[in-house]
C-alpha cells in the first residue's frame, strides 16, 4: 500500500510540473469544441493512464 501511495504522489508531482500554458490552451480548445459541436454533440475522449512498477 505504501508503494502505491508513493507512486501516486510522485505522479501528481510530475503533473504539477506541466506547463500552465498548455492547460490554458486545452481549456480554450475545449471551449472551441463546445462552440463547434454544441454541448449535446461533444466528442468523447478517453484517456488511459498506465504506469509500470
N, C-alpha and C. Protein backbone atom coordinates (compact mmCIF):
# COMPACT_ATOMS: atom_id res chain seq x y z
N UNK A 1 0.83 -1.20 0.00
CA UNK A 1 0.00 0.00 0.00
C UNK A 1 0.87 1.25 0.00
N UNK A 2 1.93 1.22 0.78
CA UNK A 2 2.82 2.38 0.84
C UNK A 2 3.44 2.67 -0.53
N UNK A 3 3.81 1.61 -1.25
CA UNK A 3 4.39 1.81 -2.57
C UNK A 3 3.41 2.44 -3.54
N UNK A 4 2.16 2.01 -3.47
CA UNK A 4 1.14 2.60 -4.33
C UNK A 4 0.97 4.07 -4.04
N UNK A 5 0.98 4.42 -2.75
CA UNK A 5 0.81 5.83 -2.38
C UNK A 5 1.97 6.67 -2.88
N UNK A 6 3.20 6.17 -2.72
CA UNK A 6 4.36 6.96 -3.14
C UNK A 6 4.37 7.13 -4.65
N UNK A 7 3.93 6.11 -5.39
CA UNK A 7 3.87 6.25 -6.85
C UNK A 7 2.82 7.29 -7.24
N UNK A 8 1.68 7.27 -6.56
CA UNK A 8 0.64 8.26 -6.86
C UNK A 8 1.13 9.66 -6.51
N UNK A 9 1.88 9.78 -5.42
CA UNK A 9 2.39 11.08 -5.01
C UNK A 9 3.38 11.62 -6.04
N UNK A 10 4.31 10.77 -6.48
CA UNK A 10 5.29 11.22 -7.47
C UNK A 10 4.60 11.53 -8.79
N UNK A 11 3.55 10.78 -9.12
CA UNK A 11 2.81 11.06 -10.35
C UNK A 11 2.15 12.43 -10.29
N UNK A 12 1.53 12.77 -9.15
CA UNK A 12 0.89 14.07 -9.02
C UNK A 12 1.92 15.19 -9.04
N UNK A 13 3.11 14.93 -8.50
CA UNK A 13 4.16 15.94 -8.57
C UNK A 13 4.60 16.16 -10.01
N UNK A 14 4.67 15.09 -10.79
CA UNK A 14 5.01 15.23 -12.20
C UNK A 14 3.96 16.06 -12.93
N UNK A 15 2.70 15.83 -12.60
CA UNK A 15 1.62 16.60 -13.24
C UNK A 15 1.75 18.08 -12.91
N UNK A 16 2.15 18.40 -11.67
CA UNK A 16 2.21 19.80 -11.27
C UNK A 16 3.34 20.53 -11.98
N UNK A 17 4.28 19.80 -12.56
CA UNK A 17 5.39 20.43 -13.28
C UNK A 17 5.01 20.78 -14.71
N UNK A 18 3.85 20.32 -15.16
CA UNK A 18 3.46 20.58 -16.54
C UNK A 18 3.25 22.07 -16.77
N UNK A 19 3.43 22.47 -18.00
CA UNK A 19 3.33 23.88 -18.37
C UNK A 19 1.89 24.37 -18.19
N UNK A 20 1.75 25.47 -17.47
CA UNK A 20 0.41 26.03 -17.23
C UNK A 20 -0.21 26.49 -18.54
N UNK A 21 0.61 26.99 -19.46
CA UNK A 21 0.08 27.47 -20.74
C UNK A 21 -0.61 26.34 -21.49
N UNK A 22 -0.07 25.13 -21.40
CA UNK A 22 -0.70 24.00 -22.09
C UNK A 22 -2.08 23.74 -21.53
N UNK A 23 -2.24 23.88 -20.21
CA UNK A 23 -3.54 23.67 -19.59
C UNK A 23 -4.53 24.72 -20.08
N UNK A 24 -4.09 25.98 -20.15
CA UNK A 24 -4.97 27.05 -20.61
C UNK A 24 -5.36 26.81 -22.07
N UNK A 25 -4.38 26.40 -22.89
CA UNK A 25 -4.69 26.12 -24.29
C UNK A 25 -5.71 25.00 -24.39
N UNK A 26 -5.58 23.99 -23.55
CA UNK A 26 -6.53 22.88 -23.56
C UNK A 26 -7.92 23.36 -23.20
N UNK A 27 -8.02 24.25 -22.21
CA UNK A 27 -9.33 24.77 -21.83
C UNK A 27 -9.95 25.55 -22.97
N UNK A 28 -9.13 26.39 -23.65
CA UNK A 28 -9.64 27.15 -24.79
C UNK A 28 -10.07 26.21 -25.91
N UNK A 29 -9.30 25.15 -26.11
CA UNK A 29 -9.65 24.17 -27.14
C UNK A 29 -10.98 23.51 -26.82
N UNK A 30 -11.19 23.18 -25.55
CA UNK A 30 -12.46 22.57 -25.15
C UNK A 30 -13.62 23.52 -25.43
N UNK A 31 -13.42 24.82 -25.18
CA UNK A 31 -14.48 25.79 -25.47
C UNK A 31 -14.77 25.84 -26.96
N UNK A 32 -13.70 25.81 -27.77
CA UNK A 32 -13.89 25.83 -29.22
C UNK A 32 -14.66 24.60 -29.68
N UNK A 33 -14.33 23.45 -29.11
CA UNK A 33 -15.04 22.22 -29.48
C UNK A 33 -16.51 22.33 -29.11
N UNK A 34 -16.78 22.88 -27.92
CA UNK A 34 -18.18 23.03 -27.49
C UNK A 34 -18.92 23.99 -28.41
N UNK A 35 -18.25 25.09 -28.80
CA UNK A 35 -18.90 26.05 -29.68
C UNK A 35 -19.15 25.46 -31.06
N UNK A 36 -18.27 24.57 -31.50
CA UNK A 36 -18.40 23.99 -32.83
C UNK A 36 -19.47 22.92 -32.87
N UNK A 37 -19.42 22.00 -31.91
CA UNK A 37 -20.32 20.85 -31.95
C UNK A 37 -21.59 21.06 -31.14
N UNK A 38 -21.55 21.98 -30.19
CA UNK A 38 -22.65 22.10 -29.25
C UNK A 38 -22.46 21.10 -28.13
N UNK A 39 -23.02 21.40 -26.96
CA UNK A 39 -22.80 20.55 -25.80
C UNK A 39 -23.35 19.14 -26.00
N UNK A 40 -24.40 19.00 -26.81
CA UNK A 40 -25.01 17.68 -26.97
C UNK A 40 -24.15 16.77 -27.84
N UNK A 41 -23.38 17.37 -28.74
CA UNK A 41 -22.65 16.57 -29.73
C UNK A 41 -21.16 16.52 -29.45
N UNK A 42 -20.78 16.71 -28.19
CA UNK A 42 -19.36 16.70 -27.87
C UNK A 42 -18.75 15.33 -28.14
N UNK A 43 -17.63 15.30 -28.83
CA UNK A 43 -16.94 14.01 -28.99
C UNK A 43 -16.40 13.55 -27.65
N UNK A 44 -16.40 12.25 -27.46
CA UNK A 44 -15.92 11.69 -26.20
C UNK A 44 -14.46 11.28 -26.35
N UNK A 45 -13.65 11.74 -25.42
CA UNK A 45 -12.24 11.38 -25.42
C UNK A 45 -11.96 10.52 -24.20
N UNK A 46 -11.39 9.36 -24.42
CA UNK A 46 -10.98 8.50 -23.31
C UNK A 46 -9.46 8.53 -23.22
N UNK A 47 -8.96 8.89 -22.06
CA UNK A 47 -7.52 8.94 -21.84
C UNK A 47 -7.17 7.90 -20.79
N UNK A 48 -6.37 6.94 -21.18
CA UNK A 48 -5.95 5.92 -20.22
C UNK A 48 -4.54 6.24 -19.74
N UNK A 49 -4.34 6.09 -18.45
CA UNK A 49 -3.04 6.35 -17.85
C UNK A 49 -2.51 5.02 -17.32
N UNK A 50 -1.37 4.62 -17.85
CA UNK A 50 -0.76 3.38 -17.39
C UNK A 50 0.61 3.67 -16.83
N UNK A 51 1.01 2.90 -15.86
CA UNK A 51 2.36 3.03 -15.31
C UNK A 51 2.85 1.65 -14.92
N UNK A 52 4.15 1.50 -14.98
CA UNK A 52 4.74 0.22 -14.60
C UNK A 52 5.56 0.39 -13.33
N UNK A 53 5.76 -0.72 -12.63
CA UNK A 53 6.49 -0.65 -11.37
C UNK A 53 7.96 -0.37 -11.62
